C-alpha atoms as a PDB file:
ATOM      1  CA  MET A   1     -33.293 -23.988 -21.437  1.00  0.00           C
ATOM      2  CA  ASP A   2     -31.610 -22.575 -25.073  1.00  0.00           C
ATOM      3  CA  ALA A   3     -29.183 -20.575 -25.731  1.00  0.00           C
ATOM      4  CA  GLY A   4     -30.968 -16.885 -25.436  1.00  0.00           C
ATOM      5  CA  ALA A   5     -31.617 -18.064 -21.961  1.00  0.00           C
ATOM      6  CA  LEU A   6     -27.926 -18.406 -20.776  1.00  0.00           C
ATOM      7  CA  SER A   7     -26.553 -15.641 -22.849  1.00  0.00           C
ATOM      8  CA  PRO A   8     -26.750 -12.701 -19.940  1.00  0.00           C
ATOM      9  CA  LEU A   9     -25.683 -14.788 -16.934  1.00  0.00           C
ATOM     10  CA  ILE A  10     -22.758 -15.542 -19.280  1.00  0.00           C
ATOM     11  CA  MET A  11     -22.599 -11.847 -20.138  1.00  0.00           C
ATOM     12  CA  LEU A  12     -22.841 -11.485 -15.831  1.00  0.00           C
ATOM     13  CA  VAL A  13     -19.660 -13.487 -15.388  1.00  0.00           C
ATOM     14  CA  LEU A  14     -17.688 -12.321 -18.305  1.00  0.00           C
ATOM     15  CA  MET A  15     -17.914  -8.696 -16.963  1.00  0.00           C
ATOM     16  CA  PHE A  16     -17.307 -10.460 -13.363  1.00  0.00           C
ATOM     17  CA  ALA A  17     -14.097 -11.588 -14.758  1.00  0.00           C
ATOM     18  CA  ILE A  18     -13.310  -8.595 -16.819  1.00  0.00           C
ATOM     19  CA  PHE A  19     -13.399  -6.589 -13.943  1.00  0.00           C
ATOM     20  CA  TYR A  20     -11.478  -8.552 -11.194  1.00  0.00           C
ATOM     21  CA  PHE A  21      -8.831  -8.679 -13.750  1.00  0.00           C
ATOM     22  CA  LEU A  22      -8.405  -5.048 -14.728  1.00  0.00           C
ATOM     23  CA  LEU A  23     -10.022  -3.558 -10.811  1.00  0.00           C
ATOM     24  CA  ILE A  24      -9.904  -5.870  -8.381  1.00  0.00           C
ATOM     25  CA  ARG A  25      -6.885  -7.706  -8.784  1.00  0.00           C
ATOM     26  CA  PRO A  26      -4.301  -5.313  -9.112  1.00  0.00           C
ATOM     27  CA  GLN A  27      -5.620  -3.597  -6.009  1.00  0.00           C
ATOM     28  CA  GLN A  28      -5.237  -6.358  -3.957  1.00  0.00           C
ATOM     29  CA  LYS A  29      -1.242  -7.193  -5.477  1.00  0.00           C
ATOM     30  CA  ARG A  30      -0.996  -3.031  -4.756  1.00  0.00           C
ATOM     31  CA  GLN A  31      -1.926  -3.631  -1.368  1.00  0.00           C
ATOM     32  CA  LYS A  32      -0.049  -6.730  -0.529  1.00  0.00           C
ATOM     33  CA  GLN A  33       3.512  -4.768  -1.944  1.00  0.00           C
ATOM     34  CA  VAL A  34       2.565  -1.858   0.869  1.00  0.00           C
ATOM     35  CA  ARG A  35       1.827  -4.221   3.616  1.00  0.00           C
ATOM     36  CA  GLU A  36       5.340  -6.136   2.747  1.00  0.00           C
ATOM     37  CA  MET A  37       7.286  -2.585   2.802  1.00  0.00           C
ATOM     38  CA  GLN A  38       5.948  -1.543   6.001  1.00  0.00           C
ATOM     39  CA  ASP A  39       6.499  -4.365   8.089  1.00  0.00           C
ATOM     40  CA  SER A  40      10.194  -4.315   6.996  1.00  0.00           C
ATOM     41  CA  LEU A  41      10.924  -1.266   7.435  1.00  0.00           C
ATOM     42  CA  GLU A  42      14.500  -0.440   9.217  1.00  0.00           C
ATOM     43  CA  LYS A  43      15.851   2.520  11.711  1.00  0.00           C
ATOM     44  CA  GLY A  44      17.460   4.106   9.737  1.00  0.00           C
ATOM     45  CA  GLN A  45      15.810   4.424   6.074  1.00  0.00           C
ATOM     46  CA  SER A  46      14.390   8.202   4.679  1.00  0.00           C
ATOM     47  CA  VAL A  47      10.948   7.598   4.142  1.00  0.00           C
ATOM     48  CA  ILE A  48       7.772   9.192   3.379  1.00  0.00           C
ATOM     49  CA  THR A  49       4.178   9.690   5.087  1.00  0.00           C
ATOM     50  CA  ILE A  50       0.670   9.423   3.245  1.00  0.00           C
ATOM     51  CA  GLY A  51       0.821  13.368   4.367  1.00  0.00           C
ATOM     52  CA  GLY A  52       3.785  13.917   2.630  1.00  0.00           C
ATOM     53  CA  PHE A  53       6.790  14.473   5.487  1.00  0.00           C
ATOM     54  CA  HIS A  54       9.657  13.141   5.061  1.00  0.00           C
ATOM     55  CA  GLY A  55      11.792  11.748   7.242  1.00  0.00           C
ATOM     56  CA  VAL A  56      14.176   9.018   8.478  1.00  0.00           C
ATOM     57  CA  ILE A  57      13.582   6.663  10.783  1.00  0.00           C
ATOM     58  CA  HIS A  58      14.599   6.984  13.757  1.00  0.00           C
ATOM     59  CA  ALA A  59      12.317   4.368  16.289  1.00  0.00           C
ATOM     60  CA  ILE A  60      10.450   1.440  15.272  1.00  0.00           C
ATOM     61  CA  ASP A  61       8.163  -0.429  17.025  1.00  0.00           C
ATOM     62  CA  GLU A  62       5.148  -2.484  16.264  1.00  0.00           C
ATOM     63  CA  GLY A  63       2.435  -0.066  15.770  1.00  0.00           C
ATOM     64  CA  THR A  64       4.538   3.096  14.682  1.00  0.00           C
ATOM     65  CA  VAL A  65       7.597   4.578  13.787  1.00  0.00           C
ATOM     66  CA  VAL A  66       9.287   7.930  15.390  1.00  0.00           C
ATOM     67  CA  LEU A  67      10.649  10.558  12.555  1.00  0.00           C
ATOM     68  CA  GLU A  68      13.489  12.629  12.992  1.00  0.00           C
ATOM     69  CA  SER A  69      13.005  15.927  10.050  1.00  0.00           C
ATOM     70  CA  ASP A  70      17.083  17.685   9.306  1.00  0.00           C
ATOM     71  CA  GLU A  71      16.492  20.103  12.007  1.00  0.00           C
ATOM     72  CA  GLY A  72      16.203  17.003  15.255  1.00  0.00           C
ATOM     73  CA  VAL A  73      11.927  16.984  15.191  1.00  0.00           C
ATOM     74  CA  LYS A  74      11.010  14.031  16.172  1.00  0.00           C
ATOM     75  CA  LEU A  75       7.589  12.912  15.170  1.00  0.00           C
ATOM     76  CA  THR A  76       5.779   9.403  15.793  1.00  0.00           C
ATOM     77  CA  TYR A  77       3.504   8.075  13.758  1.00  0.00           C
ATOM     78  CA  ASP A  78       1.395   4.640  12.772  1.00  0.00           C
ATOM     79  CA  ARG A  79       3.680   2.672  10.674  1.00  0.00           C
ATOM     80  CA  THR A  80       0.722   2.636   8.218  1.00  0.00           C
ATOM     81  CA  ALA A  81       1.094   6.168   7.698  1.00  0.00           C
ATOM     82  CA  ILE A  82       4.462   5.220   5.698  1.00  0.00           C
ATOM     83  CA  ARG A  83       3.882   5.568   2.010  1.00  0.00           C
ATOM     84  CA  GLU A  84       7.100   5.279   0.552  1.00  0.00           C
ATOM     85  CA  VAL A  85      11.062   4.560   1.106  1.00  0.00           C
ATOM     86  CA  LYS A  86      13.631   7.223  -0.334  1.00  0.00           C
ATOM     87  CA  SER A  87      15.696   5.165  -2.610  1.00  0.00           C
ATOM     88  CA  GLU A  88      19.122   6.026  -1.790  1.00  0.00           C
ATOM     89  CA  GLU A  89      20.661   7.628  -4.633  1.00  0.00           C
END
Protein backbone atom coordinates (compact mmCIF):
# COMPACT_ATOMS: atom_id res chain seq x y z
CA MET A 1 0.00 0.00 0.00
CA ASP A 2 1.31 3.41 -0.84
CA ALA A 3 0.73 6.73 0.92
CA GLY A 4 -1.81 7.83 -1.71
CA ALA A 5 -4.17 4.99 -0.80
CA LEU A 6 -4.08 5.81 2.92
CA SER A 7 -4.79 9.51 2.47
CA PRO A 8 -8.63 9.21 2.30
CA LEU A 9 -8.63 6.95 5.35
CA ILE A 10 -6.50 9.37 7.34
CA MET A 11 -8.78 12.27 6.35
CA LEU A 12 -11.86 10.30 7.43
CA VAL A 13 -10.34 9.50 10.84
CA LEU A 14 -9.23 13.11 11.25
CA MET A 15 -12.73 14.38 10.39
CA PHE A 16 -14.31 12.01 12.93
CA ALA A 17 -11.86 13.17 15.62
CA ILE A 18 -12.69 16.82 14.93
CA PHE A 19 -16.45 16.15 15.10
CA TYR A 20 -16.01 14.21 18.33
CA PHE A 21 -14.03 16.90 20.15
CA LEU A 22 -16.00 19.88 18.83
CA LEU A 23 -19.58 18.54 18.82
CA ILE A 24 -20.15 15.20 20.53
CA ARG A 25 -17.99 15.50 23.65
CA PRO A 26 -19.21 18.99 24.73
CA GLN A 27 -22.84 17.86 24.29
CA GLN A 28 -22.22 14.80 26.47
CA LYS A 29 -20.66 16.98 29.17
CA ARG A 30 -23.65 19.34 29.09
CA GLN A 31 -26.11 16.42 29.36
CA LYS A 32 -24.17 15.07 32.35
CA GLN A 33 -24.33 18.48 34.09
CA VAL A 34 -28.09 18.74 33.51
CA ARG A 35 -28.64 15.20 34.82
CA GLU A 36 -26.60 15.97 37.96
CA MET A 37 -28.57 19.20 38.52
CA GLN A 38 -31.89 17.39 38.15
CA ASP A 39 -30.77 14.65 40.54
CA SER A 40 -29.75 17.19 43.20
CA LEU A 41 -33.03 19.16 43.28
CA GLU A 42 -34.33 19.97 46.77
CA LYS A 43 -37.54 21.31 48.25
CA GLY A 44 -37.59 25.12 48.44
CA GLN A 45 -35.33 25.79 45.45
CA SER A 46 -36.45 28.29 42.81
CA VAL A 47 -36.36 26.70 39.37
CA ILE A 48 -37.22 27.36 35.73
CA THR A 49 -38.78 24.67 33.53
CA ILE A 50 -38.05 24.05 29.87
CA GLY A 51 -41.39 25.75 29.14
CA GLY A 52 -40.36 28.90 30.98
CA PHE A 53 -42.44 28.44 34.16
CA HIS A 54 -40.78 29.98 37.21
CA GLY A 55 -41.64 28.36 40.52
CA VAL A 56 -40.48 27.01 43.85
CA ILE A 57 -40.23 23.29 44.51
CA HIS A 58 -43.06 22.40 46.89
CA ALA A 59 -42.64 18.61 46.81
CA ILE A 60 -40.36 16.20 45.01
CA ASP A 61 -40.20 12.45 44.46
CA GLU A 62 -38.36 10.02 42.18
CA GLY A 63 -39.78 11.18 38.83
CA THR A 64 -41.92 14.27 39.46
CA VAL A 65 -41.67 17.72 40.99
CA VAL A 66 -44.54 19.83 42.32
CA LEU A 67 -43.87 23.51 41.66
CA GLU A 68 -45.66 26.35 43.39
CA SER A 69 -46.01 29.80 41.86
CA ASP A 70 -46.37 33.06 43.78
CA GLU A 71 -50.15 32.80 43.74
CA GLY A 72 -50.13 29.42 45.47
CA VAL A 73 -50.90 27.48 42.30
CA LYS A 74 -49.27 24.04 42.35
CA LEU A 75 -48.30 22.27 39.13
CA THR A 76 -46.75 18.82 38.71
CA TYR A 77 -43.87 18.40 36.25
CA ASP A 78 -41.54 15.59 35.29
CA ARG A 79 -38.18 15.99 36.95
CA THR A 80 -36.58 16.15 33.49
CA ALA A 81 -38.60 19.30 32.68
CA ILE A 82 -36.45 21.39 35.03
CA ARG A 83 -34.04 23.44 32.93
CA GLU A 84 -32.15 25.32 35.64
CA VAL A 85 -32.07 26.28 39.29
CA LYS A 86 -32.29 30.04 39.79
CA SER A 87 -29.51 31.58 41.83
CA GLU A 88 -30.30 33.01 45.26
CA GLU A 89 -29.33 36.55 44.18
